[in-house]
Amino acid sequence: MQRRQFGVIGLGRFGSAMATALADLGHDVIGVDGDPERVRQLADVITQAIELDATDEKALRAAGIQDVDVAVVSIGENIESSLLVVMQLHELGIKKIVAKAVTPLHGRILEKLGVSRVIFPEREMAIRVAHSLVMTNVLDYIELSRDFSIIELPAPETFVGRTLKQLELRPRFGLTLIAIKRRPTAGGPEVTTVAPTADEMIQAGDVLALLGTNDRLNRLDEALKR
């Protein structure tokens, strides 16, 4: 995996979690915030944790933010500051900017300002939890669009001991099995097989990642409940 450099602007709950996760994945992270305590807490976790006013372009430049591959703006609560920071990052020439939004209007304005991706953390988490409550067989749910999603679910007993060719997931359910998570040995590391072949046999304890329309995923969940 190529090592990349990220800038995280705003080190609240979302920003600090993002910065820590990126650092854990082996990337360089510059985190900035105006709160000295937030900066102190991440000082030994990420590459650089800097106390500064993120709306000040000169301060951002002095911190080296203009050199990052991706900038993440996690100042959601103060919408004015969020928009000002995005504008400053554009002025610094950063091509990829990801920004947290707290309202639909905030999100639309960020899109108008040309951010690469707008994130609604609370809404996205609420959607995932809601689907896990409704689709009781599902371990995780990732919404790709209004119509398509990916779900992870434990291999049903009726699938165990059968190959993908025998299961006929696409003809029967209109779904694509994109990955299988498996622990070859008890207590050992998890191994993920991406794009498994038709001859791959499902084993007890496997976790299946399935891609399809929301309607077809719901149909599978209902079929498994019966």
Protein backbone atom coordinates (compact mmCIF):
# COMPACT_ATOMS: atom_id res chain seq x y z
CA MET A 1 0.00 0.00 0.00
CA GLN A 2 1.38 3.38 -1.01
CA ARG A 3 2.04 5.68 1.95
CA ARG A 4 0.06 8.91 1.58
CA GLN A 5 -0.19 12.17 3.49
CA PHE A 6 -3.46 13.38 4.98
CA GLY A 7 -4.44 16.60 6.67
CA VAL A 8 -7.27 16.50 9.22
CA ILE A 9 -8.72 19.89 10.11
CA GLY A 10 -10.64 19.75 13.37
CA LEU A 11 -9.82 17.13 15.99
CA GLY A 12 -13.16 16.61 17.69
CA ARG A 13 -14.66 13.12 18.02
CA PHE A 14 -14.95 12.52 14.28
CA GLY A 15 -11.70 14.23 13.35
CA SER A 16 -9.61 12.52 16.02
CA ALA A 17 -11.07 9.11 15.13
CA MET A 18 -10.33 9.76 11.44
CA ALA A 19 -6.77 10.91 12.14
CA THR A 20 -6.08 7.93 14.39
CA ALA A 21 -7.49 5.45 11.88
CA LEU A 22 -5.41 6.89 9.04
CA ALA A 23 -2.27 6.74 11.20
CA ASP A 24 -3.07 3.13 12.17
CA LEU A 25 -3.27 2.32 8.45
CA GLY A 26 0.31 3.50 8.06
CA HIS A 27 -0.18 6.95 6.56
CA ASP A 28 1.30 10.33 7.50
CA VAL A 29 -1.25 12.56 9.20
CA ILE A 30 -1.13 16.26 10.01
CA GLY A 31 -3.89 17.12 12.47
CA VAL A 32 -4.76 20.71 13.33
CA ASP A 33 -7.17 22.23 15.84
CA GLY A 34 -7.52 25.41 17.86
CA ASP A 35 -8.00 23.47 21.11
CA PRO A 36 -4.64 22.72 22.78
CA GLU A 37 -6.06 19.74 24.72
CA ARG A 38 -7.26 18.01 21.55
CA VAL A 39 -3.88 18.60 19.98
CA ARG A 40 -2.09 17.24 23.05
CA GLN A 41 -4.14 14.03 23.04
CA LEU A 42 -3.04 13.18 19.48
CA ALA A 43 0.55 14.40 19.74
CA ASP A 44 1.96 10.87 20.14
CA VAL A 45 -0.57 9.20 17.83
CA ILE A 46 -0.23 10.97 14.47
CA THR A 47 2.71 12.38 12.53
CA GLN A 48 2.07 16.00 13.55
CA ALA A 49 -0.58 17.56 15.80
CA ILE A 50 -0.59 21.35 15.54
CA GLU A 51 -2.55 24.01 17.40
CA LEU A 52 -3.65 26.77 15.01
CA ASP A 53 -6.59 28.71 13.59
CA ALA A 54 -7.58 26.69 10.52
CA THR A 55 -9.29 29.69 8.91
CA ASP A 56 -5.88 31.40 8.68
CA GLU A 57 -4.34 30.50 5.31
CA LYS A 58 -0.84 31.54 6.41
CA ALA A 59 -1.03 29.30 9.46
CA LEU A 60 -2.20 26.36 7.33
CA ARG A 61 0.63 26.93 4.87
CA ALA A 62 3.18 27.10 7.68
CA ALA A 63 1.88 23.74 8.93
CA GLY A 64 2.47 22.20 5.50
CA ILE A 65 -1.18 21.43 4.76
CA GLN A 66 -0.68 22.43 1.11
CA ASP A 67 1.48 19.32 0.62
CA VAL A 68 -1.10 16.71 1.69
CA ASP A 69 -2.72 14.32 -0.78
CA VAL A 70 -6.13 14.57 0.90
CA ALA A 71 -7.54 17.11 3.34
CA VAL A 72 -10.39 16.15 5.67
CA VAL A 73 -12.43 19.03 7.11
CA SER A 74 -14.19 17.80 10.22
CA ILE A 75 -15.38 21.17 11.54
CA GLY A 76 -19.07 20.37 11.31
CA GLU A 77 -20.65 22.30 14.16
CA ASN A 78 -19.31 25.72 13.11
CA ILE A 79 -20.62 25.89 9.56
CA GLU A 80 -19.05 29.27 8.79
CA SER A 81 -15.60 28.04 9.83
CA SER A 82 -16.10 24.84 7.85
CA LEU A 83 -16.81 26.79 4.67
CA LEU A 84 -13.93 29.21 5.25
CA VAL A 85 -11.48 26.33 5.74
CA VAL A 86 -12.64 24.63 2.53
CA MET A 87 -12.08 27.89 0.64
CA GLN A 88 -8.60 28.23 2.18
CA LEU A 89 -7.71 24.67 1.18
CA HIS A 90 -8.76 25.41 -2.40
CA GLU A 91 -6.55 28.49 -2.33
CA LEU A 92 -3.66 26.28 -1.20
CA GLY A 93 -4.19 24.10 -4.28
CA ILE A 94 -5.36 20.90 -2.57
CA LYS A 95 -7.15 18.78 -5.16
CA LYS A 96 -9.01 16.30 -2.93
CA ILE A 97 -11.03 17.66 -0.03
CA VAL A 98 -13.41 15.59 2.09
CA ALA A 99 -15.71 17.54 4.40
CA LYS A 100 -18.09 16.70 7.22
CA ALA A 101 -21.56 18.27 7.03
CA VAL A 102 -24.19 18.57 9.75
CA THR A 103 -27.22 19.62 7.70
CA PRO A 104 -28.39 19.04 4.11
CA LEU A 105 -27.93 22.76 3.38
CA HIS A 106 -24.38 22.64 4.74
CA GLY A 107 -23.73 19.66 2.50
CA ARG A 108 -25.11 21.37 -0.60
CA ILE A 109 -22.95 24.44 0.01
CA LEU A 110 -19.86 22.24 0.42
CA GLU A 111 -20.67 20.55 -2.88
CA LYS A 112 -21.03 23.96 -4.54
CA LEU A 113 -17.58 24.83 -3.19
CA GLY A 114 -16.20 21.80 -5.01
CA VAL A 115 -15.33 19.35 -2.24
CA SER A 116 -14.63 15.84 -3.48
CA ARG A 117 -16.91 14.15 -0.95
CA VAL A 118 -19.39 15.28 1.68
CA ILE A 119 -19.81 13.07 4.75
CA PHE A 120 -22.78 13.01 7.12
CA PRO A 121 -21.33 10.81 9.92
CA GLU A 122 -24.42 10.71 12.15
CA ARG A 123 -26.82 10.10 9.26
CA GLU A 124 -24.63 7.43 7.67
CA MET A 125 -24.23 5.60 10.98
CA ALA A 126 -27.95 5.88 11.66
CA ILE A 127 -28.70 4.31 8.26
CA ARG A 128 -26.31 1.42 8.94
CA VAL A 129 -27.76 0.77 12.38
CA ALA A 130 -31.35 1.02 11.10
CA HIS A 131 -30.69 -1.59 8.42
CA SER A 132 -28.99 -3.89 10.93
CA LEU A 133 -32.10 -3.66 13.13
CA VAL A 134 -34.49 -4.37 10.26
CA MET A 135 -32.33 -6.99 8.50
CA THR A 136 -31.62 -9.16 11.52
CA ASN A 137 -29.26 -11.54 9.67
CA VAL A 138 -26.96 -8.70 8.60
CA LEU A 139 -23.71 -7.90 10.43
CA ASP A 140 -22.90 -4.74 8.47
CA TYR A 141 -24.50 -2.58 5.80
CA ILE A 142 -22.83 -0.14 3.40
CA GLU A 143 -25.03 2.09 1.24
CA LEU A 144 -23.44 2.70 -2.18
CA SER A 145 -26.32 4.70 -3.62
CA ARG A 146 -30.05 5.10 -3.15
CA ASP A 147 -30.61 1.75 -4.88
CA PHE A 148 -27.46 -0.36 -4.30
CA SER A 149 -25.78 -1.58 -1.13
CA ILE A 150 -23.32 -4.12 0.24
CA ILE A 151 -24.21 -6.30 3.21
CA GLU A 152 -22.15 -8.66 5.33
CA LEU A 153 -23.86 -11.67 6.87
CA PRO A 154 -22.85 -14.97 8.44
CA ALA A 155 -23.03 -17.84 5.96
CA PRO A 156 -26.52 -19.39 6.35
CA GLU A 157 -26.62 -23.08 7.22
CA THR A 158 -28.27 -23.80 3.86
CA PHE A 159 -25.21 -22.32 2.09
CA VAL A 160 -22.57 -24.32 4.00
CA GLY A 161 -20.96 -27.14 2.03
CA ARG A 162 -22.12 -25.78 -1.32
CA THR A 163 -20.11 -24.01 -4.01
CA LEU A 164 -21.03 -20.62 -5.42
CA LYS A 165 -21.95 -22.35 -8.66
CA GLN A 166 -24.40 -24.55 -6.81
CA LEU A 167 -25.87 -21.65 -4.84
CA GLU A 168 -26.67 -19.67 -8.01
CA LEU A 169 -26.87 -16.41 -6.08
CA ARG A 170 -27.13 -14.27 -9.19
CA PRO A 171 -29.89 -16.25 -10.96
CA ARG A 172 -31.87 -16.91 -7.76
CA PHE A 173 -31.44 -13.63 -5.90
CA GLY A 174 -29.82 -11.20 -8.36
CA LEU A 175 -26.88 -10.76 -5.97
CA THR A 176 -23.11 -10.85 -6.41
CA LEU A 177 -20.83 -12.38 -3.79
CA ILE A 178 -17.85 -10.01 -3.80
CA ALA A 179 -15.86 -11.40 -0.86
CA ILE A 180 -15.67 -14.13 1.77
CA LYS A 181 -14.13 -13.59 5.21
CA ARG A 182 -12.84 -16.76 6.86
CA ARG A 183 -10.68 -17.88 9.78
CA PRO A 184 -8.82 -20.99 8.52
CA THR A 185 -7.81 -21.88 12.09
CA ALA A 186 -9.65 -21.29 15.35
CA GLY A 187 -8.40 -18.05 16.89
CA GLY A 188 -6.18 -17.40 13.86
CA PRO A 189 -6.14 -14.34 11.63
CA GLU A 190 -9.08 -13.58 9.38
CA VAL A 191 -8.47 -14.11 5.65
CA THR A 192 -10.54 -12.30 3.01
CA THR A 193 -11.02 -13.78 -0.45
CA VAL A 194 -12.10 -11.12 -2.94
CA ALA A 195 -14.04 -12.13 -6.07
CA PRO A 196 -14.14 -15.85 -5.17
CA THR A 197 -14.41 -18.35 -8.03
CA ALA A 198 -17.52 -20.39 -8.83
CA ASP A 199 -15.86 -23.47 -7.31
CA GLU A 200 -15.34 -21.82 -3.91
CA MET A 201 -17.20 -23.80 -1.23
CA ILE A 202 -18.89 -21.99 1.63
CA GLN A 203 -17.74 -23.13 5.06
CA ALA A 204 -19.32 -22.82 8.50
CA GLY A 205 -18.24 -19.55 10.13
CA ASP A 206 -17.73 -17.71 6.83
CA VAL A 207 -18.91 -14.11 6.53
CA LEU A 208 -20.26 -13.24 3.09
CA ALA A 209 -20.16 -9.78 1.47
CA LEU A 210 -23.00 -9.44 -1.03
CA LEU A 211 -23.65 -6.65 -3.53
CA GLY A 212 -27.07 -5.94 -4.99
CA THR A 213 -30.10 -3.70 -5.10
CA ASN A 214 -31.69 -2.91 -1.76
CA ASP A 215 -34.87 -4.67 -2.84
CA ARG A 216 -33.05 -7.91 -3.66
CA LEU A 217 -30.98 -7.77 -0.48
CA ASN A 218 -34.18 -7.41 1.51
CA ARG A 219 -35.65 -10.40 -0.32
CA LEU A 220 -32.66 -12.51 0.67
CA ASP A 221 -33.01 -11.42 4.29
CA GLU A 222 -36.69 -12.33 4.27
CA ALA A 223 -35.90 -15.72 2.67
CA LEU A 224 -33.35 -16.47 5.39
CA LYS A 225 -35.88 -15.67 8.12
CA ARG A 226 -38.27 -18.31 6.83
